[in-house]
Amino acid sequence: MELTEQRPVPAPTVVGLLRLTVETAARQAALAEVLSEFCARRELDLTDIVTDIDLTELLARRGLYGIVLPSLAHLGAAPERVMRHRQLAEAGLQLLVVRDLKARTSAASTAKRPGNQQIT
């Protein structure tokens, strides 16, 4: 019996998504570097970084594990964020957030905390 560590295992394939409100080459390069480093540390295969926020094309990609974002704001404004988060979940894609301070309490969550506080 062989251990999986002794066999080549492909890294999960992810795509970076940037929503650039201020489009400068320096900002885009800095955010791309953040995504690349995040994926390298987690052994993820970052195949592409897109700035288009239409998820339809990404959802159709075969073999995609998830989407990587610098922060949840890159999914769009709050109402759009909820819809896009739902689309990703329905497609079975993971949402990986570099600045994950609020990732566990994203607007798409419907879980409730003790004391009837809804996670938002």
Protein backbone atom coordinates (compact mmCIF):
# COMPACT_ATOMS: atom_id res chain seq x y z
CA MET A 1 0.00 0.00 0.00
CA GLU A 2 1.36 3.43 -1.00
CA LEU A 3 0.74 6.68 0.76
CA THR A 4 -0.88 9.45 -1.22
CA GLU A 5 2.11 11.69 -0.45
CA GLN A 6 4.19 9.36 -2.65
CA ARG A 7 1.91 9.82 -5.63
CA PRO A 8 1.45 13.00 -7.61
CA VAL A 9 -1.84 14.60 -6.64
CA PRO A 10 -3.07 17.53 -8.72
CA ALA A 11 -3.63 20.76 -6.85
CA PRO A 12 -7.20 22.05 -6.72
CA THR A 13 -7.79 24.49 -9.58
CA VAL A 14 -8.96 27.99 -8.66
CA VAL A 15 -9.55 31.28 -10.46
CA GLY A 16 -8.84 34.66 -8.91
CA LEU A 17 -11.57 37.28 -9.17
CA LEU A 18 -10.83 40.99 -8.89
CA ARG A 19 -13.40 43.75 -8.94
CA LEU A 20 -11.38 46.84 -9.67
CA THR A 21 -13.15 50.09 -8.88
CA VAL A 22 -9.91 52.00 -9.42
CA GLU A 23 -8.14 50.41 -12.36
CA THR A 24 -4.44 51.07 -12.10
CA ALA A 25 -1.76 48.67 -13.26
CA ALA A 26 -0.01 48.89 -9.88
CA ARG A 27 -3.15 48.02 -7.90
CA GLN A 28 -4.03 45.13 -10.19
CA ALA A 29 -0.46 43.78 -9.98
CA ALA A 30 -0.45 44.06 -6.18
CA LEU A 31 -3.77 42.25 -5.84
CA ALA A 32 -2.68 39.56 -8.31
CA GLU A 33 0.46 39.01 -6.24
CA VAL A 34 -1.62 38.66 -3.06
CA LEU A 35 -3.79 36.01 -4.76
CA SER A 36 -0.73 34.17 -6.12
CA GLU A 37 0.95 34.04 -2.71
CA PHE A 38 -2.27 32.91 -1.01
CA CYS A 39 -2.67 30.07 -3.51
CA ALA A 40 0.99 29.04 -3.34
CA ARG A 41 0.82 28.77 0.48
CA ARG A 42 -2.26 26.56 0.22
CA GLU A 43 -1.06 24.47 -2.72
CA LEU A 44 -3.83 25.71 -5.01
CA ASP A 45 -3.40 25.92 -8.77
CA LEU A 46 -4.27 29.53 -9.67
CA THR A 47 -5.03 29.15 -13.38
CA ASP A 48 -6.31 32.63 -14.13
CA ILE A 49 -7.13 36.01 -12.61
CA VAL A 50 -10.16 37.72 -14.09
CA THR A 51 -11.51 41.20 -13.57
CA ASP A 52 -14.89 40.58 -15.16
CA ILE A 53 -17.53 40.11 -12.46
CA ASP A 54 -19.94 38.07 -14.61
CA LEU A 55 -19.72 34.63 -12.99
CA THR A 56 -21.49 32.69 -15.77
CA GLU A 57 -18.29 31.94 -17.64
CA LEU A 58 -16.49 30.88 -14.46
CA LEU A 59 -19.35 28.65 -13.37
CA ALA A 60 -19.14 26.78 -16.68
CA ARG A 61 -15.46 25.90 -16.28
CA ARG A 62 -14.93 22.19 -15.79
CA GLY A 63 -12.76 20.96 -12.94
CA LEU A 64 -12.78 24.26 -11.09
CA TYR A 65 -12.53 23.93 -7.30
CA GLY A 66 -13.26 27.51 -6.38
CA ILE A 67 -12.86 31.25 -6.66
CA VAL A 68 -10.21 33.25 -4.78
CA LEU A 69 -10.89 36.85 -3.75
CA PRO A 70 -8.77 39.42 -1.92
CA SER A 71 -11.89 40.29 0.14
CA LEU A 72 -15.63 39.74 -0.09
CA ALA A 73 -16.01 43.23 -1.54
CA HIS A 74 -14.67 41.81 -4.81
CA LEU A 75 -17.97 39.96 -5.24
CA GLY A 76 -19.74 43.31 -5.58
CA ALA A 77 -22.11 45.43 -3.50
CA ALA A 78 -24.13 43.69 -0.77
CA PRO A 79 -27.17 42.66 -2.88
CA GLU A 80 -24.93 41.41 -5.72
CA ARG A 81 -22.64 39.68 -3.24
CA VAL A 82 -25.51 37.60 -1.86
CA MET A 83 -26.62 36.55 -5.34
CA ARG A 84 -23.08 35.70 -6.48
CA HIS A 85 -22.31 33.82 -3.28
CA ARG A 86 -25.47 31.77 -3.84
CA GLN A 87 -24.47 31.09 -7.49
CA LEU A 88 -21.07 29.82 -6.38
CA ALA A 89 -22.60 27.59 -3.71
CA GLU A 90 -25.17 26.15 -6.12
CA ALA A 91 -22.37 25.36 -8.59
CA GLY A 92 -20.47 23.55 -5.83
CA LEU A 93 -17.54 25.99 -5.93
CA GLN A 94 -15.60 27.05 -2.87
CA LEU A 95 -15.22 30.72 -2.04
CA LEU A 96 -11.72 31.40 -0.73
CA VAL A 97 -11.09 34.85 0.75
CA VAL A 98 -7.59 36.13 1.47
CA ARG A 99 -8.80 38.63 4.08
CA ASP A 100 -11.12 36.24 5.73
CA LEU A 101 -12.10 38.28 8.80
CA LYS A 102 -15.75 38.30 7.67
CA ALA A 103 -15.67 35.26 5.37
CA ARG A 104 -17.43 33.08 7.92
CA THR A 105 -20.19 35.64 8.31
CA SER A 106 -20.85 36.45 4.69
CA ALA A 107 -24.19 37.92 3.68
CA ALA A 108 -25.25 34.65 2.05
CA SER A 109 -25.23 32.77 5.35
CA THR A 110 -28.60 31.97 6.87
CA ALA A 111 -27.28 30.41 10.08
CA LYS A 112 -28.44 31.92 13.34
CA ARG A 113 -26.36 32.59 16.41
CA PRO A 114 -27.52 31.95 19.97
CA GLY A 115 -29.83 34.71 21.11
CA ASN A 116 -31.58 34.88 17.69
CA GLN A 117 -28.86 37.04 16.12
CA GLN A 118 -28.72 36.27 12.44
CA ILE A 119 -25.31 36.17 10.82
CA THR A 120 -25.00 38.92 8.21
